[in-house]
Amino acid sequence: MYSEIMKFYGLKQDFNRAEYFMAEDYERAFDNLKAAIRSGGIIALTGMVGSGKTSLLRRIQQNLRDEKKIIVSKSLSTDKRRVNVNTLYTALFSDLVTDKEFRIPTQPEKRERELQNIIRSLKKPVVLFIDEAHELHHRTLTGLKRLVETVEDGGGTLAVVIVGHPALGNELKKPTMEEVGARSKIFHLDGLGNSKRQFIEWVLDNCQEEKARVQDIFTIEAIDLFAQSLVTPLQIAHYMTRALEKGFQVGEKPIGVDLVKSILSPDLDSLEPKLTRQGYNLAVLCEVLNARRSDVKSWLRGELPAAKAEAFNKEIHKAGVF
């Protein structure tokens, strides 16, 4: 059925396989990050779920590798809640050392000195990338400062780029995190902004067969509705794909606005999805609000008593979420 859908609408690849779309905000974030990396220190890039952070990260990493002026390292650990400073030392040694016989020192003092020696001998700045950094423990975030200072004390330059949901930026701005937050450069990826319609047309043009036309896939009104209702590249690709699936089932081509309305989730802009896109799932909300899961669920459904709901709203605003 998948291949039949692609053929029916004249598509050659999935929407999420399209080449990278550089909206104005993405270009600005790219330039800002590269400039900050050259200076070293802790750099945070935040953006809501599906805004294109990871794609931007890959593009920057490849650009730096191509330029060969800065050495790129990356933490590959998938469970960021378990990542600590020891994990990050392992990532750095793994990417910086080419000798297969090398063994990472087990004693902290020797390990730090060895890292200083290696980076000094490379005679180039080093950047360490950590994705999904909103899941890092507070102690790990604090440890980033000491890691950067260790390299600087040895005469080297280390930039640590942490990437995550807006919850990461809000965490760094807390007074209790001032030791790290005040030393961090924080950049936010706003997303497509006013470029949503342009993005949709670009994706369709990028994914369709050579002789196909955008207007043969979606009507102008359908494209306008996608642009009005959705926020991120991930959302747009997801719901356009759902529209294709339903359109194929009913034999509709081009897909019109009524069909698009039928596949858009009715609670797309309700409180819980909005918070989740910012990095505040149920577990995180319970911690931020210092509340039971049942109370948080009631608040999300609008079923909490007015006084308690207002108290929750104040805490959310105080955390910098909205």
C-alpha atoms as a PDB file:
ATOM      1  CA  MET A   1       0.000   0.000   0.000  1.00  0.00           C
ATOM      2  CA  TYR A   2       2.856   2.375   0.798  1.00  0.00           C
ATOM      3  CA  SER A   3       4.344   2.162  -2.699  1.00  0.00           C
ATOM      4  CA  GLU A   4       0.868   2.538  -4.187  1.00  0.00           C
ATOM      5  CA  ILE A   5       0.301   5.769  -2.248  1.00  0.00           C
ATOM      6  CA  MET A   6       3.630   7.170  -3.444  1.00  0.00           C
ATOM      7  CA  LYS A   7       2.832   6.275  -7.034  1.00  0.00           C
ATOM      8  CA  PHE A   8      -0.747   7.603  -6.825  1.00  0.00           C
ATOM      9  CA  TYR A   9       0.445  11.059  -5.738  1.00  0.00           C
ATOM     10  CA  GLY A  10       3.621  11.126  -7.843  1.00  0.00           C
ATOM     11  CA  LEU A  11       6.067  11.060  -4.920  1.00  0.00           C
ATOM     12  CA  LYS A  12       9.596   9.625  -4.955  1.00  0.00           C
ATOM     13  CA  GLN A  13      10.436   9.792  -1.225  1.00  0.00           C
ATOM     14  CA  ASP A  14       9.001  10.393   2.268  1.00  0.00           C
ATOM     15  CA  PHE A  15       8.473  13.975   3.383  1.00  0.00           C
ATOM     16  CA  ASN A  16      10.931  13.511   6.261  1.00  0.00           C
ATOM     17  CA  ARG A  17      13.626  12.486   3.760  1.00  0.00           C
ATOM     18  CA  ALA A  18      13.591  15.846   2.014  1.00  0.00           C
ATOM     19  CA  GLU A  19      16.777  17.903   1.934  1.00  0.00           C
ATOM     20  CA  TYR A  20      17.375  20.379   4.752  1.00  0.00           C
ATOM     21  CA  PHE A  21      15.201  23.501   4.569  1.00  0.00           C
ATOM     22  CA  MET A  22      17.027  26.603   5.788  1.00  0.00           C
ATOM     23  CA  ALA A  23      14.476  29.095   7.055  1.00  0.00           C
ATOM     24  CA  GLU A  24      15.760  32.446   8.301  1.00  0.00           C
ATOM     25  CA  ASP A  25      15.731  31.312  11.935  1.00  0.00           C
ATOM     26  CA  TYR A  26      17.756  28.205  11.079  1.00  0.00           C
ATOM     27  CA  GLU A  27      20.372  30.222   9.200  1.00  0.00           C
ATOM     28  CA  ARG A  28      20.678  32.572  12.169  1.00  0.00           C
ATOM     29  CA  ALA A  29      21.005  29.682  14.640  1.00  0.00           C
ATOM     30  CA  PHE A  30      23.628  28.033  12.411  1.00  0.00           C
ATOM     31  CA  ASP A  31      25.767  31.182  12.290  1.00  0.00           C
ATOM     32  CA  ASN A  32      25.366  31.894  16.024  1.00  0.00           C
ATOM     33  CA  LEU A  33      26.330  28.372  17.026  1.00  0.00           C
ATOM     34  CA  LYS A  34      29.411  28.293  14.816  1.00  0.00           C
ATOM     35  CA  ALA A  35      30.612  31.619  16.216  1.00  0.00           C
ATOM     36  CA  ALA A  36      30.012  30.482  19.793  1.00  0.00           C
ATOM     37  CA  ILE A  37      31.781  27.147  19.234  1.00  0.00           C
ATOM     38  CA  ARG A  38      34.945  28.934  18.129  1.00  0.00           C
ATOM     39  CA  SER A  39      35.056  30.731  21.495  1.00  0.00           C
ATOM     40  CA  GLY A  40      34.560  27.590  23.589  1.00  0.00           C
ATOM     41  CA  GLY A  41      32.500  27.183  26.759  1.00  0.00           C
ATOM     42  CA  ILE A  42      29.007  25.811  27.323  1.00  0.00           C
ATOM     43  CA  ILE A  43      26.488  26.462  24.542  1.00  0.00           C
ATOM     44  CA  ALA A  44      22.824  25.472  24.685  1.00  0.00           C
ATOM     45  CA  LEU A  45      20.462  25.149  21.721  1.00  0.00           C
ATOM     46  CA  THR A  46      16.814  24.704  22.622  1.00  0.00           C
ATOM     47  CA  GLY A  47      13.681  24.228  20.567  1.00  0.00           C
ATOM     48  CA  MET A  48      10.358  22.464  20.801  1.00  0.00           C
ATOM     49  CA  VAL A  49       9.898  18.835  19.771  1.00  0.00           C
ATOM     50  CA  GLY A  50      10.216  18.450  15.998  1.00  0.00           C
ATOM     51  CA  SER A  51      11.578  21.945  15.368  1.00  0.00           C
ATOM     52  CA  GLY A  52      14.673  20.653  13.546  1.00  0.00           C
ATOM     53  CA  LYS A  53      17.328  20.795  16.282  1.00  0.00           C
ATOM     54  CA  THR A  54      18.902  17.432  15.510  1.00  0.00           C
ATOM     55  CA  SER A  55      18.957  18.121  11.762  1.00  0.00           C
ATOM     56  CA  LEU A  56      20.631  21.476  12.380  1.00  0.00           C
ATOM     57  CA  LEU A  57      23.104  19.767  14.691  1.00  0.00           C
ATOM     58  CA  ARG A  58      24.073  17.243  12.015  1.00  0.00           C
ATOM     59  CA  ARG A  59      24.556  20.011   9.473  1.00  0.00           C
ATOM     60  CA  ILE A  60      26.840  21.954  11.820  1.00  0.00           C
ATOM     61  CA  GLN A  61      28.860  18.852  12.673  1.00  0.00           C
ATOM     62  CA  GLN A  62      29.384  18.022   9.012  1.00  0.00           C
ATOM     63  CA  ASN A  63      30.314  21.618   8.230  1.00  0.00           C
ATOM     64  CA  LEU A  64      32.922  21.637  11.004  1.00  0.00           C
ATOM     65  CA  ARG A  65      34.350  18.310   9.836  1.00  0.00           C
ATOM     66  CA  ASP A  66      34.617  19.621   6.282  1.00  0.00           C
ATOM     67  CA  GLU A  67      36.412  22.784   7.431  1.00  0.00           C
ATOM     68  CA  LYS A  68      38.853  20.736   9.592  1.00  0.00           C
ATOM     69  CA  LYS A  69      39.554  23.689  11.885  1.00  0.00           C
ATOM     70  CA  ILE A  70      37.686  22.316  14.906  1.00  0.00           C
ATOM     71  CA  ILE A  71      37.673  18.688  16.063  1.00  0.00           C
ATOM     72  CA  VAL A  72      34.183  17.249  16.530  1.00  0.00           C
ATOM     73  CA  SER A  73      33.246  14.840  19.310  1.00  0.00           C
ATOM     74  CA  LYS A  74      29.798  13.525  20.150  1.00  0.00           C
ATOM     75  CA  SER A  75      28.163  11.716  23.053  1.00  0.00           C
ATOM     76  CA  LEU A  76      26.350   8.722  21.555  1.00  0.00           C
ATOM     77  CA  SER A  77      24.803   7.399  24.771  1.00  0.00           C
ATOM     78  CA  THR A  78      21.052   7.043  24.218  1.00  0.00           C
ATOM     79  CA  ASP A  79      20.006   7.067  27.883  1.00  0.00           C
ATOM     80  CA  LYS A  80      20.922  10.633  28.774  1.00  0.00           C
ATOM     81  CA  ARG A  81      19.568  10.233  32.315  1.00  0.00           C
ATOM     82  CA  ARG A  82      22.515   7.922  33.023  1.00  0.00           C
ATOM     83  CA  VAL A  83      25.108  10.137  31.371  1.00  0.00           C
ATOM     84  CA  ASN A  84      27.637  11.616  33.762  1.00  0.00           C
ATOM     85  CA  VAL A  85      31.006  13.335  33.452  1.00  0.00           C
ATOM     86  CA  ASN A  86      32.757   9.957  33.208  1.00  0.00           C
ATOM     87  CA  THR A  87      30.605   9.143  30.157  1.00  0.00           C
ATOM     88  CA  LEU A  88      31.622  12.413  28.520  1.00  0.00           C
ATOM     89  CA  TYR A  89      35.317  11.764  29.139  1.00  0.00           C
ATOM     90  CA  THR A  90      34.860   8.413  27.400  1.00  0.00           C
ATOM     91  CA  ALA A  91      33.209  10.151  24.428  1.00  0.00           C
ATOM     92  CA  LEU A  92      36.056  12.659  24.153  1.00  0.00           C
ATOM     93  CA  PHE A  93      38.829  10.070  24.374  1.00  0.00           C
ATOM     94  CA  SER A  94      37.015   7.834  21.867  1.00  0.00           C
ATOM     95  CA  ASP A  95      36.866  10.611  19.273  1.00  0.00           C
ATOM     96  CA  LEU A  96      40.216  12.291  19.930  1.00  0.00           C
ATOM     97  CA  VAL A  97      42.539   9.289  20.218  1.00  0.00           C
ATOM     98  CA  THR A  98      43.378   7.218  17.135  1.00  0.00           C
ATOM     99  CA  ASP A  99      45.746   4.759  18.849  1.00  0.00           C
ATOM    100  CA  LYS A 100      43.851   1.468  19.200  1.00  0.00           C
ATOM    101  CA  GLU A 101      46.106   0.432  22.111  1.00  0.00           C
ATOM    102  CA  PHE A 102      45.159   3.505  24.153  1.00  0.00           C
ATOM    103  CA  ARG A 103      43.431   2.867  27.459  1.00  0.00           C
ATOM    104  CA  ILE A 104      41.488   5.570  29.267  1.00  0.00           C
ATOM    105  CA  PRO A 105      43.076   6.169  32.689  1.00  0.00           C
ATOM    106  CA  THR A 106      40.855   4.918  35.506  1.00  0.00           C
ATOM    107  CA  GLN A 107      42.138   7.403  38.087  1.00  0.00           C
ATOM    108  CA  PRO A 108      40.417  10.814  37.743  1.00  0.00           C
ATOM    109  CA  GLU A 109      43.607  12.860  38.227  1.00  0.00           C
ATOM    110  CA  LYS A 110      45.488  10.971  35.509  1.00  0.00           C
ATOM    111  CA  ARG A 111      42.432  11.050  33.234  1.00  0.00           C
ATOM    112  CA  GLU A 112      42.143  14.845  33.405  1.00  0.00           C
ATOM    113  CA  ARG A 113      45.854  15.322  32.767  1.00  0.00           C
ATOM    114  CA  GLU A 114      45.770  12.921  29.825  1.00  0.00           C
ATOM    115  CA  LEU A 115      42.872  14.828  28.241  1.00  0.00           C
ATOM    116  CA  GLN A 116      44.781  18.101  28.654  1.00  0.00           C
ATOM    117  CA  ASN A 117      47.847  16.598  26.974  1.00  0.00           C
ATOM    118  CA  ILE A 118      45.867  15.153  24.060  1.00  0.00           C
ATOM    119  CA  ILE A 119      43.953  18.365  23.281  1.00  0.00           C
ATOM    120  CA  ARG A 120      47.117  20.435  23.634  1.00  0.00           C
ATOM    121  CA  SER A 121      48.940  18.140  21.197  1.00  0.00           C
ATOM    122  CA  LEU A 122      46.118  18.396  18.641  1.00  0.00           C
ATOM    123  CA  LYS A 123      46.561  22.198  18.511  1.00  0.00           C
ATOM    124  CA  LYS A 124      42.911  22.668  17.553  1.00  0.00           C
ATOM    125  CA  PRO A 125      39.757  23.591  19.466  1.00  0.00           C
ATOM    126  CA  VAL A 126      37.429  20.697  20.315  1.00  0.00           C
ATOM    127  CA  VAL A 127      33.633  20.680  20.418  1.00  0.00           C
ATOM    128  CA  LEU A 128      31.568  18.045  22.220  1.00  0.00           C
ATOM    129  CA  PHE A 129      27.912  17.686  21.144  1.00  0.00           C
ATOM    130  CA  ILE A 130      25.258  16.289  23.498  1.00  0.00           C
ATOM    131  CA  ASP A 131      21.749  15.845  22.076  1.00  0.00           C
ATOM    132  CA  GLU A 132      18.615  15.293  24.209  1.00  0.00           C
ATOM    133  CA  ALA A 133      20.414  17.233  26.953  1.00  0.00           C
ATOM    134  CA  HIS A 134      17.158  18.163  28.706  1.00  0.00           C
ATOM    135  CA  GLU A 135      17.397  14.676  30.245  1.00  0.00           C
ATOM    136  CA  LEU A 136      20.820  15.275  31.810  1.00  0.00           C
ATOM    137  CA  HIS A 137      21.030  15.222  35.602  1.00  0.00           C
ATOM    138  CA  HIS A 138      21.761  18.506  37.388  1.00  0.00           C
ATOM    139  CA  ARG A 139      25.120  17.166  38.565  1.00  0.00           C
ATOM    140  CA  THR A 140      26.095  16.378  34.972  1.00  0.00           C
ATOM    141  CA  LEU A 141      25.205  19.899  33.840  1.00  0.00           C
ATOM    142  CA  THR A 142      27.316  21.292  36.671  1.00  0.00           C
ATOM    143  CA  GLY A 143      30.139  18.945  35.693  1.00  0.00           C
ATOM    144  CA  LEU A 144      30.246  20.492  32.202  1.00  0.00           C
ATOM    145  CA  LYS A 145      31.680  23.668  33.698  1.00  0.00           C
ATOM    146  CA  ARG A 146      34.517  21.758  35.360  1.00  0.00           C
ATOM    147  CA  LEU A 147      35.168  19.798  32.162  1.00  0.00           C
ATOM    148  CA  VAL A 148      35.549  22.994  30.117  1.00  0.00           C
ATOM    149  CA  GLU A 149      37.770  24.565  32.776  1.00  0.00           C
ATOM    150  CA  THR A 150      39.992  21.470  32.926  1.00  0.00           C
ATOM    151  CA  VAL A 151      40.719  21.750  29.198  1.00  0.00           C
ATOM    152  CA  GLU A 152      41.272  25.513  29.415  1.00  0.00           C
ATOM    153  CA  ASP A 153      43.691  25.067  32.342  1.00  0.00           C
ATOM    154  CA  GLY A 154      45.750  22.821  30.062  1.00  0.00           C
ATOM    155  CA  GLY A 155      45.942  25.480  27.354  1.00  0.00           C
ATOM    156  CA  GLY A 156      43.208  24.036  25.130  1.00  0.00           C
ATOM    157  CA  THR A 157      39.750  25.141  24.025  1.00  0.00           C
ATOM    158  CA  LEU A 158      36.629  23.038  24.537  1.00  0.00           C
ATOM    159  CA  ALA A 159      33.078  23.925  23.545  1.00  0.00           C
ATOM    160  CA  VAL A 160      30.247  21.762  24.873  1.00  0.00           C
ATOM    161  CA  VAL A 161      27.039  22.088  22.844  1.00  0.00           C
ATOM    162  CA  ILE A 162      23.992  20.801  24.705  1.00  0.00           C
ATOM    163  CA  VAL A 163      20.798  20.481  22.693  1.00  0.00           C
ATOM    164  CA  GLY A 164      17.301  19.903  24.017  1.00  0.00           C
ATOM    165  CA  HIS A 165      13.749  21.056  24.583  1.00  0.00           C
ATOM    166  CA  PRO A 166      12.961  24.545  25.942  1.00  0.00           C
ATOM    167  CA  ALA A 167      12.861  22.911  29.387  1.00  0.00           C
ATOM    168  CA  LEU A 168      16.681  22.792  29.173  1.00  0.00           C
ATOM    169  CA  GLY A 169      16.949  26.550  28.691  1.00  0.00           C
ATOM    170  CA  ASN A 170      14.518  27.190  31.546  1.00  0.00           C
ATOM    171  CA  GLU A 171      16.538  24.871  33.786  1.00  0.00           C
ATOM    172  CA  LEU A 172      19.756  26.749  33.052  1.00  0.00           C
ATOM    173  CA  LYS A 173      18.086  30.069  33.899  1.00  0.00           C
ATOM    174  CA  LYS A 174      17.096  28.954  37.402  1.00  0.00           C
ATOM    175  CA  PRO A 175      18.947  30.738  40.242  1.00  0.00           C
ATOM    176  CA  THR A 176      19.985  27.320  41.580  1.00  0.00           C
ATOM    177  CA  MET A 177      21.767  26.605  38.274  1.00  0.00           C
ATOM    178  CA  GLU A 178      23.556  29.952  38.118  1.00  0.00           C
ATOM    179  CA  GLU A 179      26.987  28.296  38.361  1.00  0.00           C
ATOM    180  CA  VAL A 180      26.415  26.791  34.914  1.00  0.00           C
ATOM    181  CA  GLY A 181      23.628  28.925  33.453  1.00  0.00           C
ATOM    182  CA  ALA A 182      25.438  32.238  33.922  1.00  0.00           C
ATOM    183  CA  ARG A 183      28.391  30.807  32.003  1.00  0.00           C
ATOM    184  CA  SER A 184      26.290  29.402  29.170  1.00  0.00           C
ATOM    185  CA  LYS A 185      25.358  30.927  25.827  1.00  0.00           C
ATOM    186  CA  ILE A 186      21.732  29.965  25.191  1.00  0.00           C
ATOM    187  CA  PHE A 187      20.182  30.034  21.718  1.00  0.00           C
ATOM    188  CA  HIS A 188      16.581  29.160  20.901  1.00  0.00           C
ATOM    189  CA  LEU A 189      15.335  27.696  17.637  1.00  0.00           C
ATOM    190  CA  ASP A 190      11.932  29.275  17.078  1.00  0.00           C
ATOM    191  CA  GLY A 191      11.109  27.093  14.105  1.00  0.00           C
ATOM    192  CA  LEU A 192       9.521  27.909  10.781  1.00  0.00           C
ATOM    193  CA  GLY A 193       7.763  31.107  11.848  1.00  0.00           C
ATOM    194  CA  ASN A 194       6.292  32.792   8.777  1.00  0.00           C
ATOM    195  CA  SER A 195       8.001  30.274   6.467  1.00  0.00           C
ATOM    196  CA  LYS A 196       5.556  27.408   7.072  1.00  0.00           C
ATOM    197  CA  ARG A 197       3.769  27.688   3.741  1.00  0.00           C
ATOM    198  CA  GLN A 198       7.084  28.038   1.949  1.00  0.00           C
ATOM    199  CA  PHE A 199       8.345  24.952   3.794  1.00  0.00           C
ATOM    200  CA  ILE A 200       5.298  22.891   2.777  1.00  0.00           C
ATOM    201  CA  GLU A 201       5.645  23.802  -0.891  1.00  0.00           C
ATOM    202  CA  TRP A 202       9.399  23.184  -0.743  1.00  0.00           C
ATOM    203  CA  VAL A 203       8.924  19.706   0.792  1.00  0.00           C
ATOM    204  CA  LEU A 204       6.322  18.754  -1.796  1.00  0.00           C
ATOM    205  CA  ASP A 205       8.510  19.988  -4.629  1.00  0.00           C
ATOM    206  CA  ASN A 206      11.530  18.173  -3.172  1.00  0.00           C
ATOM    207  CA  CYS A 207       9.706  14.855  -2.754  1.00  0.00           C
ATOM    208  CA  GLN A 208       7.614  14.655  -5.921  1.00  0.00           C
ATOM    209  CA  GLU A 209       8.547  13.052  -9.208  1.00  0.00           C
ATOM    210  CA  GLU A 210       9.968  15.324 -11.890  1.00  0.00           C
ATOM    211  CA  LYS A 211       6.748  15.639 -13.889  1.00  0.00           C
ATOM    212  CA  ALA A 212       4.407  15.891 -10.872  1.00  0.00           C
ATOM    213  CA  ARG A 213       2.891  19.176  -9.701  1.00  0.00           C
ATOM    214  CA  VAL A 214       2.260  20.389  -6.148  1.00  0.00           C
ATOM    215  CA  GLN A 215      -1.355  21.253  -6.972  1.00  0.00           C
ATOM    216  CA  ASP A 216      -1.908  17.616  -7.987  1.00  0.00           C
ATOM    217  CA  ILE A 217      -1.214  16.532  -4.389  1.00  0.00           C
ATOM    218  CA  PHE A 218      -2.871  19.202  -2.204  1.00  0.00           C
ATOM    219  CA  THR A 219      -5.181  22.084  -3.035  1.00  0.00           C
ATOM    220  CA  ILE A 220      -4.085  25.618  -2.150  1.00  0.00           C
ATOM    221  CA  GLU A 221      -6.711  25.692   0.616  1.00  0.00           C
ATOM    222  CA  ALA A 222      -5.374  22.433   2.087  1.00  0.00           C
ATOM    223  CA  ILE A 223      -1.826  23.792   2.131  1.00  0.00           C
ATOM    224  CA  ASP A 224      -3.061  26.983   3.800  1.00  0.00           C
ATOM    225  CA  LEU A 225      -4.790  24.929   6.510  1.00  0.00           C
ATOM    226  CA  PHE A 226      -1.613  22.951   7.211  1.00  0.00           C
ATOM    227  CA  ALA A 227       0.324  26.208   7.522  1.00  0.00           C
ATOM    228  CA  GLN A 228      -2.269  27.746   9.857  1.00  0.00           C
ATOM    229  CA  SER A 229      -2.715  24.699  12.099  1.00  0.00           C
ATOM    230  CA  LEU A 230       0.769  23.233  12.458  1.00  0.00           C
ATOM    231  CA  VAL A 231       3.978  24.559  13.961  1.00  0.00           C
ATOM    232  CA  THR A 232       7.011  22.352  13.389  1.00  0.00           C
ATOM    233  CA  PRO A 233       8.531  20.510  10.405  1.00  0.00           C
ATOM    234  CA  LEU A 234       7.858  17.216  12.199  1.00  0.00           C
ATOM    235  CA  GLN A 235       4.162  18.024  12.624  1.00  0.00           C
ATOM    236  CA  ILE A 236       3.797  19.106   9.020  1.00  0.00           C
ATOM    237  CA  ALA A 237       5.466  15.981   7.616  1.00  0.00           C
ATOM    238  CA  HIS A 238       3.408  13.748   9.927  1.00  0.00           C
ATOM    239  CA  TYR A 239       0.002  15.203   9.115  1.00  0.00           C
ATOM    240  CA  MET A 240       0.678  15.521   5.399  1.00  0.00           C
ATOM    241  CA  THR A 241       1.540  11.810   5.393  1.00  0.00           C
ATOM    242  CA  ARG A 242      -1.678  10.991   7.250  1.00  0.00           C
ATOM    243  CA  ALA A 243      -3.601  13.033   4.691  1.00  0.00           C
ATOM    244  CA  LEU A 244      -2.010  11.044   1.855  1.00  0.00           C
ATOM    245  CA  GLU A 245      -2.980   7.759   3.497  1.00  0.00           C
ATOM    246  CA  LYS A 246      -6.605   8.789   3.913  1.00  0.00           C
ATOM    247  CA  GLY A 247      -6.716  10.475   0.519  1.00  0.00           C
ATOM    248  CA  PHE A 248      -5.526   7.280  -1.127  1.00  0.00           C
ATOM    249  CA  GLN A 249      -8.174   5.237   0.695  1.00  0.00           C
ATOM    250  CA  VAL A 250     -10.989   7.429  -0.640  1.00  0.00           C
ATOM    251  CA  GLY A 251      -9.334   8.130  -4.000  1.00  0.00           C
ATOM    252  CA  GLU A 252      -9.088  11.902  -3.513  1.00  0.00           C
ATOM    253  CA  LYS A 253      -6.578  13.760  -5.670  1.00  0.00           C
ATOM    254  CA  PRO A 254      -5.718  16.524  -5.091  1.00  0.00           C
ATOM    255  CA  ILE A 255      -6.452  16.374  -1.369  1.00  0.00           C
ATOM    256  CA  GLY A 256      -8.831  19.109  -0.283  1.00  0.00           C
ATOM    257  CA  VAL A 257      -9.334  21.107   2.885  1.00  0.00           C
ATOM    258  CA  ASP A 258     -12.194  18.959   4.241  1.00  0.00           C
ATOM    259  CA  LEU A 259     -10.074  15.825   4.236  1.00  0.00           C
ATOM    260  CA  VAL A 260      -7.220  17.687   5.948  1.00  0.00           C
ATOM    261  CA  LYS A 261      -9.622  18.897   8.642  1.00  0.00           C
ATOM    262  CA  SER A 262     -10.674  15.307   9.266  1.00  0.00           C
ATOM    263  CA  ILE A 263      -7.134  14.082  10.005  1.00  0.00           C
ATOM    264  CA  LEU A 264      -5.935  16.992  12.155  1.00  0.00           C
ATOM    265  CA  SER A 265      -6.065  16.084  15.841  1.00  0.00           C
ATOM    266  CA  PRO A 266      -8.808  18.075  17.626  1.00  0.00           C
ATOM    267  CA  ASP A 267      -6.644  18.584  20.739  1.00  0.00           C
ATOM    268  CA  LEU A 268      -3.567  19.692  18.783  1.00  0.00           C
ATOM    269  CA  ASP A 269      -3.402  23.010  20.641  1.00  0.00           C
ATOM    270  CA  SER A 270      -4.653  21.870  24.037  1.00  0.00           C
ATOM    271  CA  LEU A 271      -2.499  22.348  27.134  1.00  0.00           C
ATOM    272  CA  GLU A 272      -0.941  18.881  27.387  1.00  0.00           C
ATOM    273  CA  PRO A 273       0.404  18.674  23.785  1.00  0.00           C
ATOM    274  CA  LYS A 274       1.731  22.229  24.060  1.00  0.00           C
ATOM    275  CA  LEU A 275       3.613  21.404  27.257  1.00  0.00           C
ATOM    276  CA  THR A 276       4.916  18.120  25.838  1.00  0.00           C
ATOM    277  CA  ARG A 277       6.344  19.929  22.812  1.00  0.00           C
ATOM    278  CA  GLN A 278       8.208  22.197  25.241  1.00  0.00           C
ATOM    279  CA  GLY A 279       9.723  19.164  26.992  1.00  0.00           C
ATOM    280  CA  TYR A 280       7.305  19.019  29.918  1.00  0.00           C
ATOM    281  CA  ASN A 281       5.799  15.538  29.975  1.00  0.00           C
ATOM    282  CA  LEU A 282       3.830  14.203  32.922  1.00  0.00           C
ATOM    283  CA  ALA A 283       6.889  13.125  34.931  1.00  0.00           C
ATOM    284  CA  VAL A 284       8.621  16.494  34.461  1.00  0.00           C
ATOM    285  CA  LEU A 285       5.440  18.399  35.330  1.00  0.00           C
ATOM    286  CA  CYS A 286       5.066  16.442  38.576  1.00  0.00           C
ATOM    287  CA  GLU A 287       8.583  17.537  39.513  1.00  0.00           C
ATOM    288  CA  VAL A 288       8.138  21.170  38.458  1.00  0.00           C
ATOM    289  CA  LEU A 289       4.764  21.500  40.198  1.00  0.00           C
ATOM    290  CA  ASN A 290       5.752  19.286  43.149  1.00  0.00           C
ATOM    291  CA  ALA A 291       2.421  17.531  42.720  1.00  0.00           C
ATOM    292  CA  ARG A 292       0.907  14.075  42.421  1.00  0.00           C
ATOM    293  CA  ARG A 293       0.320  12.557  38.991  1.00  0.00           C
ATOM    294  CA  SER A 294      -3.440  12.480  39.592  1.00  0.00           C
ATOM    295  CA  ASP A 295      -3.516  16.222  40.347  1.00  0.00           C
ATOM    296  CA  VAL A 296      -1.397  17.058  37.307  1.00  0.00           C
ATOM    297  CA  LYS A 297      -3.629  14.937  35.076  1.00  0.00           C
ATOM    298  CA  SER A 298      -6.725  16.694  36.449  1.00  0.00           C
ATOM    299  CA  TRP A 299      -5.096  20.070  35.813  1.00  0.00           C
ATOM    300  CA  LEU A 300      -4.256  19.134  32.224  1.00  0.00           C
ATOM    301  CA  ARG A 301      -7.878  18.096  31.660  1.00  0.00           C
ATOM    302  CA  GLY A 302      -9.169  21.316  33.240  1.00  0.00           C
ATOM    303  CA  GLU A 303     -10.790  19.421  36.110  1.00  0.00           C
ATOM    304  CA  LEU A 304      -8.768  20.803  39.028  1.00  0.00           C
ATOM    305  CA  PRO A 305     -10.422  23.211  41.538  1.00  0.00           C
ATOM    306  CA  ALA A 306      -9.900  26.835  40.527  1.00  0.00           C
ATOM    307  CA  ALA A 307      -7.595  27.802  43.409  1.00  0.00           C
ATOM    308  CA  LYS A 308      -5.264  24.846  42.900  1.00  0.00           C
ATOM    309  CA  ALA A 309      -5.309  25.269  39.119  1.00  0.00           C
ATOM    310  CA  GLU A 310      -4.289  28.915  39.530  1.00  0.00           C
ATOM    311  CA  ALA A 311      -1.412  27.852  41.788  1.00  0.00           C
ATOM    312  CA  PHE A 312      -0.239  25.404  39.121  1.00  0.00           C
ATOM    313  CA  ASN A 313      -0.504  28.093  36.436  1.00  0.00           C
ATOM    314  CA  LYS A 314       1.678  30.427  38.505  1.00  0.00           C
ATOM    315  CA  GLU A 315       4.325  27.732  38.956  1.00  0.00           C
ATOM    316  CA  ILE A 316       4.361  27.032  35.222  1.00  0.00           C
ATOM    317  CA  HIS A 317       4.809  30.722  34.422  1.00  0.00           C
ATOM    318  CA  LYS A 318       7.503  31.007  37.091  1.00  0.00           C
ATOM    319  CA  ALA A 319       9.362  28.122  35.442  1.00  0.00           C
ATOM    320  CA  GLY A 320       9.401  30.139  32.200  1.00  0.00           C
ATOM    321  CA  VAL A 321       7.302  27.688  30.197  1.00  0.00           C
ATOM    322  CA  PHE A 322       4.827  30.196  28.738  1.00  0.00           C
END
